Amino acid sequence: MTTDAVTTTTTAGAPPIITMEGVNKWYDSFQVLTDIDLSVRAGERIVICGPSGSGKSTLIRCINRLETVQKGRIVVDGIDLTAGGKNVDAVRAEVGMVFQQFNLFPHLTILENCTLAPMRSRGMGKAQAEEVAMKYLTRVRIPEQAHKHPSQLSGGQQQRVAIARALCMAPKVMLFDEPTSALDPEMVKEVLDTMIGLAEDGMTMLCVTHEMGFARSVADRVIFMAEGKILEQAPPAQFFGQPQHEKTRQFLGQILSSHNAH
């Protein structure tokens, strides 16, 4: 039995690791998320796309409570986030997040950036934290940068450090919020390659991105959002081959033509 078969049987039969039920969010009078229902299985890889302002980033930021919702429920790994308090900390310890901007501490070395959270949140000793950090810096193929500071690294390298730093907490879920959008084009591939590696390891991933090649090759499911709603979700072959919603077709037409123009 191949490992692929093992992962599919466990993911198919397992309860969802993330559940969003009837989630609504407003900024003052502006409704940014409307009636979001989403269920994600452990090991599933989801790409969320849509025009800017459609609520994609807000949606994934709700999953680790960087944004609070006014209505609905969000349950992550059996913990109800909407119940607040200690639950938020418990979920954040299990959910890694990588942003557009790398958010590394400029005054700390790469190694120190990676060991900070495991020592503080997981109570890990320094030696063990450094061992874990080196393991993941090796995993993202930049162990030789451990003693440098962020400013000495390229954008692509900094983003790979951000991914390693999140992995050091041994998260059950990884959220990526347009992780390549702040990068120069030649650096995009190295970050996407790192993410593809994580996907192959079976990491549960939700990724907001415009990289449709990544969505085609890595996603189990592609979700299209517009105006704060999920309008369509399907496996990549169906999503790209036979999009059902008019807005999905428009979006794909625009994004694929702009990619071809480059």
Protein backbone atom coordinates (compact mmCIF):
# COMPACT_ATOMS: atom_id res chain seq x y z
CA MET A 1 0.00 0.00 0.00
CA THR A 2 1.51 3.33 -1.00
CA THR A 3 1.69 6.26 1.36
CA ASP A 4 -0.71 8.11 -0.95
CA ALA A 5 -3.36 5.49 -0.33
CA VAL A 6 -2.82 5.78 3.41
CA THR A 7 -3.26 9.54 3.44
CA THR A 8 -6.41 9.43 1.34
CA THR A 9 -8.07 6.82 3.52
CA THR A 10 -7.27 8.71 6.71
CA THR A 11 -8.38 12.08 5.30
CA ALA A 12 -11.57 10.77 3.76
CA GLY A 13 -12.81 9.09 6.94
CA ALA A 14 -11.56 11.65 9.46
CA PRO A 15 -13.72 14.38 10.96
CA PRO A 16 -12.93 17.79 9.47
CA ILE A 17 -9.97 19.60 11.03
CA ILE A 18 -11.56 22.98 10.22
CA THR A 19 -15.29 23.75 10.16
CA MET A 20 -16.81 27.15 9.44
CA GLU A 21 -20.59 27.34 9.83
CA GLY A 22 -22.63 30.38 8.86
CA VAL A 23 -19.69 32.74 9.36
CA ASN A 24 -20.44 36.42 8.88
CA LYS A 25 -18.13 39.36 9.44
CA TRP A 26 -18.62 43.10 9.20
CA TYR A 27 -16.26 46.06 9.32
CA ASP A 28 -18.71 48.64 10.70
CA SER A 29 -21.58 48.50 8.18
CA PHE A 30 -19.57 46.79 5.41
CA GLN A 31 -20.14 43.04 5.27
CA VAL A 32 -16.83 41.39 4.35
CA LEU A 33 -17.90 37.72 4.81
CA THR A 34 -21.42 36.45 4.14
CA ASP A 35 -22.71 33.03 5.26
CA ILE A 36 -19.42 31.16 4.86
CA ASP A 37 -19.73 27.38 5.21
CA LEU A 38 -16.49 25.49 4.79
CA SER A 39 -15.22 22.14 5.94
CA VAL A 40 -11.57 21.09 5.55
CA ARG A 41 -10.27 17.56 6.10
CA ALA A 42 -6.87 16.88 7.65
CA GLY A 43 -4.27 16.67 4.90
CA GLU A 44 -6.44 18.56 2.42
CA ARG A 45 -4.84 21.28 0.31
CA ILE A 46 -7.11 24.15 -0.54
CA VAL A 47 -6.41 27.15 -2.73
CA ILE A 48 -8.66 30.18 -2.29
CA CYS A 49 -8.79 32.63 -5.19
CA GLY A 50 -10.90 35.54 -6.34
CA PRO A 51 -10.69 39.23 -7.16
CA SER A 52 -9.12 41.56 -4.62
CA GLY A 53 -11.56 42.66 -1.92
CA SER A 54 -13.47 39.37 -2.11
CA GLY A 55 -12.76 38.43 1.53
CA LYS A 56 -10.15 35.69 0.90
CA SER A 57 -7.53 36.98 3.33
CA THR A 58 -10.17 37.82 5.92
CA LEU A 59 -11.49 34.27 5.71
CA ILE A 60 -8.18 32.62 6.49
CA ARG A 61 -7.33 35.21 9.14
CA CYS A 62 -10.53 34.18 10.95
CA ILE A 63 -9.19 30.62 11.23
CA ASN A 64 -6.53 31.67 13.75
CA ARG A 65 -8.60 34.54 15.16
CA LEU A 66 -6.49 37.35 13.75
CA GLU A 67 -9.96 38.54 12.75
CA THR A 68 -13.02 37.96 14.93
CA VAL A 69 -16.37 37.08 13.45
CA GLN A 70 -19.68 38.55 14.59
CA LYS A 71 -21.82 35.57 13.64
CA GLY A 72 -21.31 31.85 13.05
CA ARG A 73 -18.97 29.18 14.39
CA ILE A 74 -15.39 28.22 13.62
CA VAL A 75 -14.02 24.95 15.00
CA VAL A 76 -10.36 24.05 14.48
CA ASP A 77 -9.14 20.60 15.48
CA GLY A 78 -12.10 20.18 17.83
CA ILE A 79 -11.61 23.58 19.52
CA ASP A 80 -14.36 26.17 19.17
CA LEU A 81 -12.59 29.42 18.29
CA THR A 82 -15.72 31.47 18.63
CA ALA A 83 -15.86 30.54 22.34
CA GLY A 84 -12.85 32.86 22.82
CA GLY A 85 -10.39 33.00 25.71
CA LYS A 86 -7.94 30.14 26.11
CA ASN A 87 -9.32 28.47 23.00
CA VAL A 88 -7.75 31.15 20.82
CA ASP A 89 -4.27 30.44 22.22
CA ALA A 90 -4.81 26.70 21.85
CA VAL A 91 -5.75 27.07 18.18
CA ARG A 92 -2.92 29.50 17.41
CA ALA A 93 -0.44 26.94 18.71
CA GLU A 94 -1.75 24.44 16.11
CA VAL A 95 -2.12 26.80 13.14
CA GLY A 96 0.91 28.21 11.34
CA MET A 97 0.55 31.35 9.25
CA VAL A 98 2.67 32.84 6.49
CA PHE A 99 1.85 36.37 5.34
CA GLN A 100 2.60 38.48 2.26
CA GLN A 101 5.14 40.42 4.28
CA PHE A 102 7.58 38.13 6.01
CA ASN A 103 7.10 39.61 9.51
CA LEU A 104 10.52 38.44 10.70
CA PHE A 105 12.12 40.23 13.65
CA PRO A 106 14.88 42.31 12.03
CA HIS A 107 17.09 42.42 15.15
CA LEU A 108 17.12 38.63 15.58
CA THR A 109 19.09 36.10 13.53
CA ILE A 110 17.22 33.63 11.35
CA LEU A 111 17.83 30.93 13.96
CA GLU A 112 16.53 33.17 16.78
CA ASN A 113 13.44 34.03 14.71
CA CYS A 114 12.71 30.32 14.44
CA THR A 115 13.39 29.34 18.06
CA LEU A 116 11.45 32.17 19.75
CA ALA A 117 7.94 30.72 19.59
CA PRO A 118 8.80 27.08 20.44
CA MET A 119 10.73 28.27 23.52
CA ARG A 120 7.99 30.67 24.64
CA SER A 121 4.83 28.80 23.67
CA ARG A 122 5.94 25.18 23.79
CA GLY A 123 8.40 25.56 26.68
CA MET A 124 11.18 24.00 24.62
CA GLY A 125 14.78 24.27 25.82
CA LYS A 126 17.19 26.29 23.70
CA ALA A 127 19.21 23.32 22.42
CA GLN A 128 16.10 21.42 21.37
CA ALA A 129 14.52 24.51 19.79
CA GLU A 130 17.71 25.12 17.79
CA GLU A 131 17.76 21.50 16.65
CA VAL A 132 14.15 21.77 15.46
CA ALA A 133 14.87 25.12 13.78
CA MET A 134 17.85 23.71 11.89
CA LYS A 135 15.74 20.75 10.79
CA TYR A 136 13.18 23.07 9.19
CA LEU A 137 15.71 25.53 7.80
CA THR A 138 17.25 22.50 6.09
CA ARG A 139 13.76 21.48 4.98
CA VAL A 140 13.30 24.84 3.22
CA ARG A 141 16.88 24.58 1.90
CA ILE A 142 18.56 27.50 3.67
CA PRO A 143 20.38 26.05 6.72
CA GLU A 144 23.49 28.06 5.83
CA GLN A 145 21.57 31.33 6.49
CA ALA A 146 20.87 30.49 10.17
CA HIS A 147 23.23 33.06 11.68
CA LYS A 148 22.40 35.93 9.35
CA HIS A 149 19.81 38.63 9.94
CA PRO A 150 16.70 38.98 7.75
CA SER A 151 18.05 42.06 5.95
CA GLN A 152 20.92 39.95 4.59
CA LEU A 153 18.54 37.59 2.78
CA SER A 154 16.56 37.94 -0.45
CA GLY A 155 12.78 38.21 -0.30
CA GLY A 156 12.37 34.61 -1.39
CA GLN A 157 14.78 33.44 1.30
CA GLN A 158 12.99 35.52 3.94
CA GLN A 159 9.68 33.99 2.96
CA ARG A 160 11.19 30.50 3.24
CA VAL A 161 12.42 31.45 6.74
CA ALA A 162 8.86 32.53 7.57
CA ILE A 163 7.63 29.09 6.46
CA ALA A 164 10.35 27.33 8.51
CA ARG A 165 9.48 29.48 11.54
CA ALA A 166 5.82 28.43 11.30
CA LEU A 167 6.83 24.75 10.93
CA CYS A 168 8.94 24.92 14.11
CA MET A 169 5.69 25.00 16.08
CA ALA A 170 4.69 21.65 14.50
CA PRO A 171 1.34 23.06 13.36
CA LYS A 172 -1.50 20.84 12.21
CA VAL A 173 -2.64 23.43 9.69
CA MET A 174 -0.72 25.97 7.60
CA LEU A 175 -2.37 29.16 6.32
CA PHE A 176 -0.73 31.12 3.51
CA ASP A 177 -1.96 34.63 2.73
CA GLU A 178 -0.69 35.49 -0.76
CA PRO A 179 2.81 34.30 0.20
CA THR A 180 4.35 35.18 -3.17
CA SER A 181 2.66 38.49 -3.94
CA ALA A 182 5.41 40.68 -2.43
CA LEU A 183 8.19 38.76 -4.19
CA ASP A 184 10.08 39.48 -7.39
CA PRO A 185 8.99 37.06 -10.14
CA GLU A 186 12.27 35.12 -10.08
CA MET A 187 11.79 34.38 -6.36
CA VAL A 188 8.24 33.11 -6.63
CA LYS A 189 9.23 29.63 -7.78
CA GLU A 190 11.51 28.91 -4.80
CA VAL A 191 8.69 29.69 -2.37
CA LEU A 192 6.11 27.71 -4.35
CA ASP A 193 8.54 24.77 -4.53
CA THR A 194 8.83 24.87 -0.74
CA MET A 195 5.05 24.86 -0.44
CA ILE A 196 4.74 21.98 -2.91
CA GLY A 197 7.16 20.03 -0.71
CA LEU A 198 4.93 20.65 2.33
CA ALA A 199 1.89 19.55 0.37
CA GLU A 200 3.68 16.33 -0.55
CA ASP A 201 4.36 15.76 3.15
CA GLY A 202 0.60 15.77 3.77
CA MET A 203 0.34 19.14 5.54
CA THR A 204 -3.20 20.57 5.76
CA MET A 205 -2.92 23.84 3.83
CA LEU A 206 -5.18 26.76 2.99
CA CYS A 207 -3.55 29.11 0.56
CA VAL A 208 -4.83 32.42 -0.76
CA THR A 209 -2.97 32.92 -4.02
CA HIS A 210 -3.18 34.07 -7.63
CA GLU A 211 -0.70 31.38 -8.70
CA MET A 212 -3.02 29.26 -10.80
CA GLY A 213 -0.28 26.81 -11.83
CA PHE A 214 0.20 26.04 -8.12
CA ALA A 215 -3.56 25.62 -7.70
CA ARG A 216 -3.71 23.21 -10.65
CA SER A 217 -0.82 21.05 -9.51
CA VAL A 218 -1.18 21.05 -5.71
CA ALA A 219 -4.77 21.79 -4.65
CA ASP A 220 -7.30 19.10 -3.81
CA ARG A 221 -9.95 21.78 -4.06
CA VAL A 222 -10.04 25.31 -5.46
CA ILE A 223 -12.43 27.79 -3.84
CA PHE A 224 -13.57 30.92 -5.67
CA MET A 225 -14.74 33.90 -3.62
CA ALA A 226 -16.32 37.17 -4.69
CA GLU A 227 -17.97 39.90 -2.62
CA GLY A 228 -17.50 38.00 0.63
CA LYS A 229 -19.14 34.78 -0.52
CA ILE A 230 -17.91 31.37 -1.65
CA LEU A 231 -19.38 31.14 -5.14
CA GLU A 232 -17.77 27.94 -6.33
CA GLN A 233 -15.53 25.12 -5.13
CA ALA A 234 -14.32 22.12 -7.09
CA PRO A 235 -11.28 19.91 -7.74
CA PRO A 236 -8.79 21.73 -10.02
CA ALA A 237 -9.59 19.80 -13.21
CA GLN A 238 -13.26 20.69 -12.91
CA PHE A 239 -12.63 24.23 -11.60
CA PHE A 240 -10.37 25.19 -14.51
CA GLY A 241 -12.01 22.96 -17.13
CA GLN A 242 -15.70 23.60 -16.46
CA PRO A 243 -16.22 26.56 -14.14
CA GLN A 244 -19.92 26.82 -13.29
CA HIS A 245 -20.33 30.42 -12.13
CA GLU A 246 -20.19 33.35 -14.54
CA LYS A 247 -17.95 35.30 -12.12
CA THR A 248 -15.53 32.36 -11.92
CA ARG A 249 -15.31 32.27 -15.70
CA GLN A 250 -14.64 36.02 -15.85
CA PHE A 251 -11.97 35.82 -13.16
CA LEU A 252 -10.19 32.89 -14.80
CA GLY A 253 -10.35 34.62 -18.18
CA GLN A 254 -8.70 37.73 -16.74
CA ILE A 255 -6.05 35.99 -14.66
CA LEU A 256 -5.05 33.47 -17.30
CA SER A 257 -4.85 36.12 -20.05
CA SER A 258 -2.70 38.40 -17.85
CA HIS A 259 -0.37 35.45 -17.13
CA ASN A 260 -0.07 34.71 -20.84
CA ALA A 261 0.74 38.35 -21.52
CA HIS A 262 3.83 38.23 -19.26
